[in-house]
């Protein structure tokens, strides 16, 4: 189970709304959703938590690139919502070119496009997608510094209390709890 909320800063304070992420496929889609909730070019935070295992915060300021922090990259990678946040750029990987990948399907001797390990043998089917992503926090931990929450505090938040702590620091606990 996941919870996602948009926290939009306005001249009257913070406004919160819960949001569905079913139609969001990329970080760019998520940033566009946040911009739609913005008043002028004010800051919007997209806060996502999943099953008490990980949380993520995306900060969108006007047309600037979104800034992302994820509490546990490996746990988030096992979630379709986490995969939205974990871009190739954030993970320090080269983007995968789908055309190149399509040309390589089944050329390694595996059946039905099964991935292979370096020896040409089929990869472990029980391996979780997050196994190739390091566990622990990833991203821009100082994305809330100017809003009252220091980087070291963000890094020590647990998935169970993160959104509440962030809302406390922003002074918008009541508006966030109203949409939960």
N, C-alpha and C. Protein backbone atom coordinates (compact mmCIF):
# COMPACT_ATOMS: atom_id res chain seq x y z
N UNK A 1 0.85 -1.17 0.00
CA UNK A 1 0.00 0.00 0.00
C UNK A 1 0.89 1.24 0.00
N UNK A 2 0.50 2.23 -0.75
CA UNK A 2 1.29 3.44 -0.80
C UNK A 2 0.41 4.64 -0.48
N UNK A 3 1.05 5.72 -0.11
CA UNK A 3 0.38 7.00 0.10
C UNK A 3 1.21 8.05 -0.62
N UNK A 4 0.55 8.89 -1.38
CA UNK A 4 1.23 9.97 -2.09
C UNK A 4 0.46 11.26 -1.87
N UNK A 5 1.18 12.30 -1.56
CA UNK A 5 0.56 13.61 -1.34
C UNK A 5 1.38 14.69 -2.02
N UNK A 6 0.67 15.71 -2.47
CA UNK A 6 1.31 16.91 -3.00
C UNK A 6 1.21 17.98 -1.93
N UNK A 7 2.33 18.59 -1.60
CA UNK A 7 2.36 19.72 -0.69
C UNK A 7 2.79 20.93 -1.50
N UNK A 8 1.87 21.86 -1.70
CA UNK A 8 2.15 23.03 -2.53
C UNK A 8 2.22 24.27 -1.65
N UNK A 9 3.31 25.01 -1.78
CA UNK A 9 3.46 26.24 -1.01
C UNK A 9 2.70 27.36 -1.72
N UNK A 10 1.90 28.07 -0.95
CA UNK A 10 1.16 29.21 -1.47
C UNK A 10 1.50 30.41 -0.61
N UNK A 11 0.98 31.56 -0.99
CA UNK A 11 1.25 32.75 -0.16
C UNK A 11 0.54 32.66 1.18
N UNK A 12 -0.45 31.78 1.31
CA UNK A 12 -1.16 31.59 2.57
C UNK A 12 -0.62 30.42 3.39
N UNK A 13 0.43 29.78 2.95
CA UNK A 13 0.98 28.62 3.64
C UNK A 13 0.99 27.41 2.71
N UNK A 14 1.00 26.23 3.29
CA UNK A 14 1.05 24.99 2.52
C UNK A 14 -0.35 24.44 2.33
N UNK A 15 -0.60 23.92 1.14
CA UNK A 15 -1.84 23.21 0.84
C UNK A 15 -1.46 21.77 0.50
N UNK A 16 -2.26 20.83 0.96
CA UNK A 16 -1.98 19.42 0.70
C UNK A 16 -3.14 18.79 -0.06
N UNK A 17 -2.79 17.84 -0.90
CA UNK A 17 -3.79 17.03 -1.58
C UNK A 17 -3.20 15.65 -1.80
N UNK A 18 -4.04 14.63 -1.61
CA UNK A 18 -3.55 13.30 -1.92
C UNK A 18 -3.63 13.14 -3.42
N UNK A 19 -2.87 12.24 -3.96
CA UNK A 19 -2.84 12.08 -5.40
C UNK A 19 -2.67 10.62 -5.77
N UNK A 20 -3.23 10.27 -6.89
CA UNK A 20 -3.06 8.93 -7.45
C UNK A 20 -1.90 8.97 -8.44
N UNK A 21 -1.11 7.94 -8.43
CA UNK A 21 0.04 7.88 -9.32
C UNK A 21 -0.14 6.87 -10.45
N UNK A 22 -1.37 6.38 -10.60
CA UNK A 22 -1.62 5.34 -11.60
C UNK A 22 -1.28 5.77 -13.03
N UNK A 23 -1.47 7.04 -13.36
CA UNK A 23 -1.19 7.52 -14.72
C UNK A 23 0.20 8.10 -14.87
N UNK A 24 1.00 8.05 -13.81
CA UNK A 24 2.35 8.60 -13.84
C UNK A 24 3.33 7.47 -14.18
N UNK A 25 4.09 7.67 -15.25
CA UNK A 25 5.03 6.64 -15.68
C UNK A 25 6.49 7.05 -15.53
N UNK A 26 6.75 8.36 -15.51
CA UNK A 26 8.12 8.84 -15.46
C UNK A 26 8.25 9.97 -14.46
N UNK A 27 9.48 10.31 -14.14
CA UNK A 27 9.74 11.44 -13.27
C UNK A 27 9.24 12.73 -13.90
N UNK A 28 9.34 12.84 -15.21
CA UNK A 28 8.83 14.03 -15.92
C UNK A 28 7.32 14.15 -15.76
N UNK A 29 6.61 13.02 -15.83
CA UNK A 29 5.16 13.03 -15.60
C UNK A 29 4.84 13.50 -14.19
N UNK A 30 5.62 13.02 -13.23
CA UNK A 30 5.40 13.39 -11.83
C UNK A 30 5.68 14.88 -11.63
N UNK A 31 6.71 15.39 -12.25
CA UNK A 31 7.02 16.82 -12.16
C UNK A 31 5.90 17.66 -12.78
N UNK A 32 5.36 17.21 -13.90
CA UNK A 32 4.24 17.92 -14.52
C UNK A 32 3.01 17.93 -13.60
N UNK A 33 2.74 16.81 -12.96
CA UNK A 33 1.64 16.73 -12.00
C UNK A 33 1.84 17.73 -10.87
N UNK A 34 3.06 17.83 -10.38
CA UNK A 34 3.38 18.78 -9.31
C UNK A 34 3.20 20.21 -9.78
N UNK A 35 3.66 20.51 -10.99
CA UNK A 35 3.55 21.88 -11.52
C UNK A 35 2.09 22.30 -11.67
N UNK A 36 1.22 21.33 -12.00
CA UNK A 36 -0.21 21.64 -12.11
C UNK A 36 -0.80 22.06 -10.77
N UNK A 37 -0.23 21.55 -9.68
CA UNK A 37 -0.73 21.89 -8.34
C UNK A 37 -0.13 23.19 -7.81
N UNK A 38 0.86 23.71 -8.52
CA UNK A 38 1.58 24.90 -8.04
C UNK A 38 0.78 26.17 -8.27
N UNK A 39 0.96 27.07 -7.35
CA UNK A 39 0.44 28.42 -7.49
C UNK A 39 1.63 29.25 -7.97
N UNK A 40 1.53 29.80 -9.18
CA UNK A 40 2.65 30.49 -9.83
C UNK A 40 3.79 29.49 -9.99
N UNK A 41 4.99 29.88 -9.61
CA UNK A 41 6.14 28.98 -9.69
C UNK A 41 6.62 28.56 -8.31
N UNK A 42 5.70 28.46 -7.37
CA UNK A 42 6.04 28.11 -6.00
C UNK A 42 6.50 26.65 -5.90
N UNK A 43 7.09 26.34 -4.78
CA UNK A 43 7.59 24.99 -4.50
C UNK A 43 6.45 24.02 -4.30
N UNK A 44 6.60 22.84 -4.88
CA UNK A 44 5.67 21.74 -4.65
C UNK A 44 6.51 20.52 -4.28
N UNK A 45 6.09 19.83 -3.23
CA UNK A 45 6.73 18.59 -2.82
C UNK A 45 5.78 17.44 -3.10
N UNK A 46 6.30 16.41 -3.72
CA UNK A 46 5.54 15.17 -3.89
C UNK A 46 6.14 14.20 -2.88
N UNK A 47 5.32 13.76 -1.94
CA UNK A 47 5.79 12.85 -0.89
C UNK A 47 5.13 11.49 -1.11
N UNK A 48 5.95 10.46 -1.15
CA UNK A 48 5.46 9.10 -1.37
C UNK A 48 6.02 8.21 -0.28
N UNK A 49 5.16 7.38 0.30
CA UNK A 49 5.64 6.36 1.23
C UNK A 49 4.99 5.04 0.86
N UNK A 50 5.71 3.97 1.03
CA UNK A 50 5.18 2.66 0.68
C UNK A 50 5.44 1.66 1.79
N UNK A 51 4.34 1.17 2.34
CA UNK A 51 4.36 0.07 3.31
C UNK A 51 5.38 0.22 4.43
N UNK A 52 5.73 1.41 4.80
CA UNK A 52 6.70 1.60 5.86
C UNK A 52 8.10 1.09 5.52
N UNK A 53 8.36 0.82 4.21
CA UNK A 53 9.67 0.30 3.83
C UNK A 53 10.56 1.37 3.21
N UNK A 54 9.97 2.36 2.55
CA UNK A 54 10.75 3.43 1.95
C UNK A 54 9.85 4.65 1.76
N UNK A 55 10.49 5.79 1.62
CA UNK A 55 9.76 7.00 1.26
C UNK A 55 10.59 7.78 0.26
N UNK A 56 9.93 8.64 -0.46
CA UNK A 56 10.60 9.49 -1.42
C UNK A 56 9.99 10.87 -1.41
N UNK A 57 10.82 11.85 -1.70
CA UNK A 57 10.37 13.23 -1.81
C UNK A 57 10.91 13.79 -3.12
N UNK A 58 10.01 14.39 -3.89
CA UNK A 58 10.39 15.07 -5.12
C UNK A 58 10.04 16.54 -4.94
N UNK A 59 11.01 17.40 -5.17
CA UNK A 59 10.79 18.83 -5.04
C UNK A 59 10.80 19.44 -6.44
N UNK A 60 9.75 20.20 -6.73
CA UNK A 60 9.63 20.88 -8.00
C UNK A 60 9.48 22.37 -7.72
N UNK A 61 10.41 23.15 -8.26
CA UNK A 61 10.38 24.61 -8.14
C UNK A 61 10.24 25.19 -9.54
N UNK A 62 9.03 25.60 -9.89
CA UNK A 62 8.80 26.17 -11.22
C UNK A 62 9.20 25.21 -12.32
N UNK A 63 9.96 25.69 -13.27
CA UNK A 63 10.39 24.87 -14.41
C UNK A 63 11.75 24.21 -14.19
N UNK A 64 12.33 24.37 -12.99
CA UNK A 64 13.60 23.71 -12.68
C UNK A 64 13.44 22.20 -12.73
N UNK A 65 14.55 21.50 -12.95
CA UNK A 65 14.52 20.04 -12.90
C UNK A 65 14.10 19.60 -11.50
N UNK A 66 13.33 18.52 -11.41
CA UNK A 66 12.93 18.03 -10.09
C UNK A 66 14.14 17.53 -9.31
N UNK A 67 14.10 17.74 -8.01
CA UNK A 67 15.12 17.22 -7.10
C UNK A 67 14.49 16.05 -6.36
N UNK A 68 15.24 14.95 -6.23
CA UNK A 68 14.67 13.71 -5.70
C UNK A 68 15.51 13.19 -4.55
N UNK A 69 14.83 12.69 -3.52
CA UNK A 69 15.48 11.95 -2.45
C UNK A 69 14.65 10.70 -2.20
N UNK A 70 15.32 9.55 -2.09
CA UNK A 70 14.67 8.27 -1.79
C UNK A 70 15.41 7.66 -0.61
N UNK A 71 14.64 7.22 0.39
CA UNK A 71 15.25 6.72 1.64
C UNK A 71 15.97 5.39 1.47
N UNK A 72 15.48 4.51 0.59
CA UNK A 72 16.10 3.20 0.39
C UNK A 72 15.94 2.81 -1.08
N UNK A 73 16.98 3.00 -1.84
CA UNK A 73 16.92 2.78 -3.29
C UNK A 73 16.56 1.33 -3.64
N UNK A 74 17.15 0.38 -2.94
CA UNK A 74 16.88 -1.03 -3.25
C UNK A 74 15.42 -1.38 -2.98
N UNK A 75 14.86 -0.92 -1.88
CA UNK A 75 13.45 -1.18 -1.58
C UNK A 75 12.55 -0.46 -2.59
N UNK A 76 12.88 0.76 -2.93
CA UNK A 76 12.07 1.53 -3.88
C UNK A 76 12.10 0.89 -5.26
N UNK A 77 13.22 0.30 -5.64
CA UNK A 77 13.35 -0.30 -6.97
C UNK A 77 12.40 -1.48 -7.13
N UNK A 78 11.97 -2.08 -6.05
CA UNK A 78 11.03 -3.20 -6.11
C UNK A 78 9.59 -2.72 -6.21
N UNK A 79 9.39 -1.42 -6.29
CA UNK A 79 8.06 -0.83 -6.36
C UNK A 79 7.90 -0.06 -7.66
N UNK A 80 6.75 -0.18 -8.29
CA UNK A 80 6.54 0.58 -9.53
C UNK A 80 6.57 2.08 -9.25
N UNK A 81 6.16 2.50 -8.08
CA UNK A 81 6.21 3.92 -7.74
C UNK A 81 7.64 4.37 -7.47
N UNK A 82 8.42 3.51 -6.88
CA UNK A 82 9.82 3.83 -6.64
C UNK A 82 10.61 3.92 -7.93
N UNK A 83 10.28 3.04 -8.88
CA UNK A 83 10.98 3.07 -10.17
C UNK A 83 10.80 4.40 -10.89
N UNK A 84 9.67 5.07 -10.64
CA UNK A 84 9.43 6.39 -11.23
C UNK A 84 10.50 7.37 -10.75
N UNK A 85 10.85 7.28 -9.48
CA UNK A 85 11.80 8.22 -8.87
C UNK A 85 13.24 7.89 -9.19
N UNK A 86 13.54 6.62 -9.41
CA UNK A 86 14.92 6.17 -9.58
C UNK A 86 15.34 6.23 -11.05
N UNK A 87 15.60 7.41 -11.52
CA UNK A 87 16.02 7.61 -12.90
C UNK A 87 17.45 7.10 -13.09
N UNK A 88 17.82 6.86 -14.33
CA UNK A 88 19.19 6.45 -14.64
C UNK A 88 20.18 7.48 -14.13
N UNK A 89 19.84 8.75 -14.27
CA UNK A 89 20.72 9.83 -13.81
C UNK A 89 20.93 9.75 -12.30
N UNK A 90 19.86 9.55 -11.55
CA UNK A 90 19.96 9.46 -10.09
C UNK A 90 20.80 8.25 -9.68
N UNK A 91 20.66 7.15 -10.42
CA UNK A 91 21.40 5.93 -10.10
C UNK A 91 22.81 5.91 -10.67
N UNK A 92 23.16 6.94 -11.45
CA UNK A 92 24.50 7.01 -12.01
C UNK A 92 24.73 6.01 -13.12
N UNK A 93 23.67 5.67 -13.86
CA UNK A 93 23.79 4.71 -14.96
C UNK A 93 23.60 5.44 -16.29
N UNK A 94 24.11 4.81 -17.33
CA UNK A 94 23.85 5.29 -18.67
C UNK A 94 22.41 4.90 -19.01
N UNK A 95 21.65 5.79 -19.65
CA UNK A 95 20.28 5.43 -20.05
C UNK A 95 20.30 4.25 -21.00
N UNK A 96 19.30 3.38 -20.83
CA UNK A 96 19.21 2.22 -21.71
C UNK A 96 18.47 2.63 -22.97
N UNK A 97 19.02 2.25 -24.12
CA UNK A 97 18.40 2.54 -25.39
C UNK A 97 17.53 1.34 -25.78
N UNK A 98 16.19 1.50 -25.78
CA UNK A 98 15.31 0.37 -26.08
C UNK A 98 15.58 -0.27 -27.44
N UNK A 99 15.98 0.49 -28.44
CA UNK A 99 16.25 -0.07 -29.76
C UNK A 99 17.42 -1.04 -29.71
N UNK A 100 18.46 -0.68 -28.97
CA UNK A 100 19.62 -1.56 -28.83
C UNK A 100 19.24 -2.82 -28.06
N UNK A 101 18.44 -2.67 -27.02
CA UNK A 101 18.03 -3.83 -26.23
C UNK A 101 17.20 -4.80 -27.06
N UNK A 102 16.32 -4.30 -27.92
CA UNK A 102 15.50 -5.16 -28.76
C UNK A 102 16.36 -5.98 -29.71
N UNK A 103 17.44 -5.42 -30.22
CA UNK A 103 18.32 -6.13 -31.14
C UNK A 103 19.06 -7.27 -30.45
N UNK A 104 19.26 -7.16 -29.16
CA UNK A 104 20.04 -8.15 -28.43
C UNK A 104 19.20 -9.29 -27.85
N UNK A 105 17.88 -9.21 -27.95
CA UNK A 105 17.02 -10.23 -27.37
C UNK A 105 17.29 -11.57 -28.03
N UNK A 106 17.47 -12.59 -27.21
CA UNK A 106 17.66 -13.98 -27.64
C UNK A 106 18.97 -14.26 -28.35
N UNK A 107 19.91 -13.33 -28.38
CA UNK A 107 21.18 -13.59 -29.03
C UNK A 107 22.17 -14.30 -28.11
N UNK A 108 21.80 -14.47 -26.85
CA UNK A 108 22.74 -15.06 -25.90
C UNK A 108 22.46 -16.53 -25.63
N UNK A 109 21.53 -17.13 -26.36
CA UNK A 109 21.26 -18.55 -26.18
C UNK A 109 20.22 -18.85 -25.13
N UNK A 110 19.65 -17.86 -24.49
CA UNK A 110 18.60 -18.13 -23.51
C UNK A 110 17.26 -18.19 -24.23
N UNK A 111 16.30 -18.83 -23.59
CA UNK A 111 14.98 -18.97 -24.20
C UNK A 111 14.08 -17.82 -23.79
N UNK A 112 13.21 -17.44 -24.70
CA UNK A 112 12.18 -16.42 -24.42
C UNK A 112 12.74 -15.15 -23.86
N UNK A 113 13.92 -14.76 -24.24
CA UNK A 113 14.48 -13.48 -23.82
C UNK A 113 14.90 -13.43 -22.36
N UNK A 114 15.13 -14.59 -21.72
CA UNK A 114 15.57 -14.57 -20.32
C UNK A 114 16.91 -13.85 -20.23
N UNK A 115 17.09 -13.02 -19.20
CA UNK A 115 18.40 -12.38 -19.05
C UNK A 115 19.47 -13.42 -18.71
N UNK A 116 20.67 -13.17 -19.14
CA UNK A 116 21.77 -14.09 -18.86
C UNK A 116 22.81 -13.41 -18.01
N UNK A 117 23.56 -14.22 -17.25
CA UNK A 117 24.67 -13.63 -16.49
C UNK A 117 25.87 -13.53 -17.42
N UNK A 118 26.98 -13.10 -16.93
CA UNK A 118 28.17 -12.88 -17.75
C UNK A 118 28.69 -14.13 -18.44
N UNK A 119 28.34 -15.33 -17.96
CA UNK A 119 28.81 -16.56 -18.57
C UNK A 119 27.87 -17.09 -19.64
N UNK A 120 26.78 -16.36 -19.92
CA UNK A 120 25.82 -16.82 -20.90
C UNK A 120 24.75 -17.70 -20.30
N UNK A 121 24.85 -18.02 -19.02
CA UNK A 121 23.84 -18.83 -18.36
C UNK A 121 22.68 -17.94 -17.96
N UNK A 122 21.52 -18.53 -17.84
CA UNK A 122 20.35 -17.75 -17.45
C UNK A 122 20.58 -17.16 -16.07
N UNK A 123 20.13 -15.93 -15.91
CA UNK A 123 20.27 -15.25 -14.62
C UNK A 123 19.32 -15.87 -13.62
N UNK A 124 19.57 -15.64 -12.36
CA UNK A 124 18.74 -16.15 -11.28
C UNK A 124 17.34 -15.54 -11.38
N UNK A 125 16.31 -16.37 -11.63
CA UNK A 125 14.96 -15.83 -11.78
C UNK A 125 14.41 -15.28 -10.47
N UNK A 126 14.99 -15.67 -9.35
CA UNK A 126 14.53 -15.18 -8.05
C UNK A 126 15.19 -13.88 -7.63
N UNK A 127 16.13 -13.40 -8.43
CA UNK A 127 16.82 -12.16 -8.08
C UNK A 127 15.85 -10.99 -8.20
N UNK A 128 15.80 -10.19 -7.15
CA UNK A 128 14.91 -9.03 -7.14
C UNK A 128 15.54 -7.90 -7.93
N UNK A 129 14.70 -7.04 -8.56
CA UNK A 129 15.26 -5.93 -9.33
C UNK A 129 16.15 -5.03 -8.49
N UNK A 130 15.85 -4.89 -7.21
CA UNK A 130 16.64 -4.02 -6.35
C UNK A 130 18.02 -4.55 -6.02
N UNK A 131 18.31 -5.82 -6.41
CA UNK A 131 19.61 -6.40 -6.09
C UNK A 131 20.76 -5.66 -6.76
N UNK A 132 20.51 -4.99 -7.86
CA UNK A 132 21.56 -4.27 -8.55
C UNK A 132 21.65 -2.81 -8.12
N UNK A 133 20.78 -2.41 -7.23
CA UNK A 133 20.75 -1.04 -6.72
C UNK A 133 21.20 -1.08 -5.26
N UNK A 134 22.11 -0.22 -4.89
CA UNK A 134 22.59 -0.26 -3.50
C UNK A 134 21.49 0.09 -2.51
N UNK A 135 21.44 -0.61 -1.39
CA UNK A 135 20.46 -0.27 -0.37
C UNK A 135 20.83 1.06 0.29
N UNK A 136 19.85 1.70 0.85
CA UNK A 136 20.09 2.94 1.56
C UNK A 136 19.67 4.15 0.77
N UNK A 137 19.88 5.31 1.36
CA UNK A 137 19.40 6.55 0.74
C UNK A 137 20.16 6.92 -0.53
N UNK A 138 19.43 7.61 -1.41
CA UNK A 138 20.02 8.07 -2.65
C UNK A 138 19.33 9.38 -3.05
N UNK A 139 20.08 10.25 -3.64
CA UNK A 139 19.49 11.49 -4.15
C UNK A 139 19.94 12.71 -3.39
N UNK A 140 19.15 13.75 -3.47
CA UNK A 140 19.46 15.08 -2.95
C UNK A 140 18.91 15.24 -1.53
N UNK A 141 19.70 14.86 -0.54
CA UNK A 141 19.25 14.90 0.85
C UNK A 141 19.10 16.31 1.39
N UNK A 142 19.63 17.31 0.69
CA UNK A 142 19.47 18.68 1.19
C UNK A 142 18.35 19.45 0.48
N UNK A 143 17.42 18.72 -0.16
CA UNK A 143 16.34 19.37 -0.88
C UNK A 143 15.34 20.10 0.02
N UNK A 144 15.40 19.87 1.33
CA UNK A 144 14.48 20.53 2.26
C UNK A 144 15.18 21.52 3.18
N UNK A 145 16.47 21.73 2.99
CA UNK A 145 17.26 22.57 3.90
C UNK A 145 16.67 23.97 4.02
N UNK A 146 16.36 24.61 2.92
CA UNK A 146 15.82 25.97 2.99
C UNK A 146 14.38 26.02 3.50
N UNK A 147 13.77 24.85 3.67
CA UNK A 147 12.41 24.78 4.20
C UNK A 147 12.38 24.39 5.68
N UNK A 148 13.56 24.23 6.28
CA UNK A 148 13.63 23.98 7.71
C UNK A 148 14.06 22.60 8.14
N UNK A 149 14.49 21.75 7.21
CA UNK A 149 14.94 20.40 7.58
C UNK A 149 16.32 20.16 6.99
N UNK A 150 17.30 19.99 7.87
CA UNK A 150 18.68 19.81 7.43
C UNK A 150 18.92 18.44 6.82
N UNK A 151 19.96 18.37 6.00
CA UNK A 151 20.33 17.15 5.30
C UNK A 151 20.50 15.97 6.26
N UNK A 152 21.21 16.19 7.37
CA UNK A 152 21.45 15.07 8.30
C UNK A 152 20.15 14.55 8.90
N UNK A 153 19.17 15.42 9.07
CA UNK A 153 17.88 14.98 9.58
C UNK A 153 17.14 14.15 8.54
N UNK A 154 17.16 14.59 7.29
CA UNK A 154 16.51 13.84 6.22
C UNK A 154 17.12 12.44 6.12
N UNK A 155 18.43 12.35 6.24
CA UNK A 155 19.11 11.06 6.12
C UNK A 155 18.78 10.10 7.26
N UNK A 156 18.34 10.62 8.39
CA UNK A 156 18.04 9.74 9.53
C UNK A 156 16.55 9.42 9.68
N UNK A 157 15.71 9.98 8.81
CA UNK A 157 14.28 9.69 8.89
C UNK A 157 14.02 8.23 8.55
N UNK A 158 13.04 7.65 9.23
CA UNK A 158 12.62 6.29 8.90
C UNK A 158 11.33 6.38 8.09
N UNK A 159 11.05 5.34 7.34
CA UNK A 159 9.87 5.34 6.48
C UNK A 159 8.58 5.50 7.29
N UNK A 160 8.57 5.04 8.52
CA UNK A 160 7.36 5.11 9.34
C UNK A 160 7.01 6.53 9.78
N UNK A 161 8.01 7.38 9.96
CA UNK A 161 7.71 8.72 10.49
C UNK A 161 8.16 9.86 9.57
N UNK A 162 8.62 9.55 8.38
CA UNK A 162 9.22 10.57 7.51
C UNK A 162 8.25 11.68 7.12
N UNK A 163 7.11 11.32 6.57
CA UNK A 163 6.20 12.36 6.09
C UNK A 163 5.68 13.23 7.22
N UNK A 164 5.43 12.63 8.37
CA UNK A 164 5.02 13.42 9.53
C UNK A 164 6.10 14.38 9.98
N UNK A 165 7.34 13.92 10.00
CA UNK A 165 8.46 14.78 10.39
C UNK A 165 8.68 15.90 9.39
N UNK A 166 8.55 15.59 8.12
CA UNK A 166 8.69 16.63 7.09
C UNK A 166 7.59 17.66 7.25
N UNK A 167 6.36 17.20 7.43
CA UNK A 167 5.23 18.13 7.62
C UNK A 167 5.44 18.99 8.86
N UNK A 168 5.97 18.40 9.95
CA UNK A 168 6.27 19.19 11.16
C UNK A 168 7.27 20.29 10.85
N UNK A 169 8.32 19.96 10.12
CA UNK A 169 9.35 20.94 9.79
C UNK A 169 8.80 22.07 8.92
N UNK A 170 7.87 21.72 8.03
CA UNK A 170 7.27 22.72 7.15
C UNK A 170 6.16 23.51 7.83
N UNK A 171 5.69 22.99 8.97
CA UNK A 171 4.59 23.65 9.66
C UNK A 171 3.24 23.36 9.02
N UNK A 172 3.10 22.18 8.42
CA UNK A 172 1.84 21.85 7.74
C UNK A 172 1.31 20.47 8.13
N UNK A 173 1.54 20.07 9.35
CA UNK A 173 1.09 18.76 9.81
C UNK A 173 -0.42 18.59 9.66
N UNK A 174 -1.17 19.61 10.05
CA UNK A 174 -2.62 19.51 9.99
C UNK A 174 -3.14 19.32 8.57
N UNK A 175 -2.57 20.05 7.60
CA UNK A 175 -3.05 19.92 6.23
C UNK A 175 -2.67 18.57 5.63
N UNK A 176 -1.50 18.04 6.00
CA UNK A 176 -1.13 16.72 5.50
C UNK A 176 -2.01 15.64 6.11
N UNK A 177 -2.25 15.72 7.41
CA UNK A 177 -3.08 14.71 8.08
C UNK A 177 -4.52 14.75 7.57
N UNK A 178 -4.97 15.91 7.12
CA UNK A 178 -6.34 16.03 6.60
C UNK A 178 -6.53 15.22 5.32
N UNK A 179 -5.48 14.99 4.57
CA UNK A 179 -5.61 14.23 3.32
C UNK A 179 -5.23 12.76 3.46
N UNK A 180 -4.72 12.37 4.62
CA UNK A 180 -4.34 10.96 4.82
C UNK A 180 -5.55 10.06 4.88
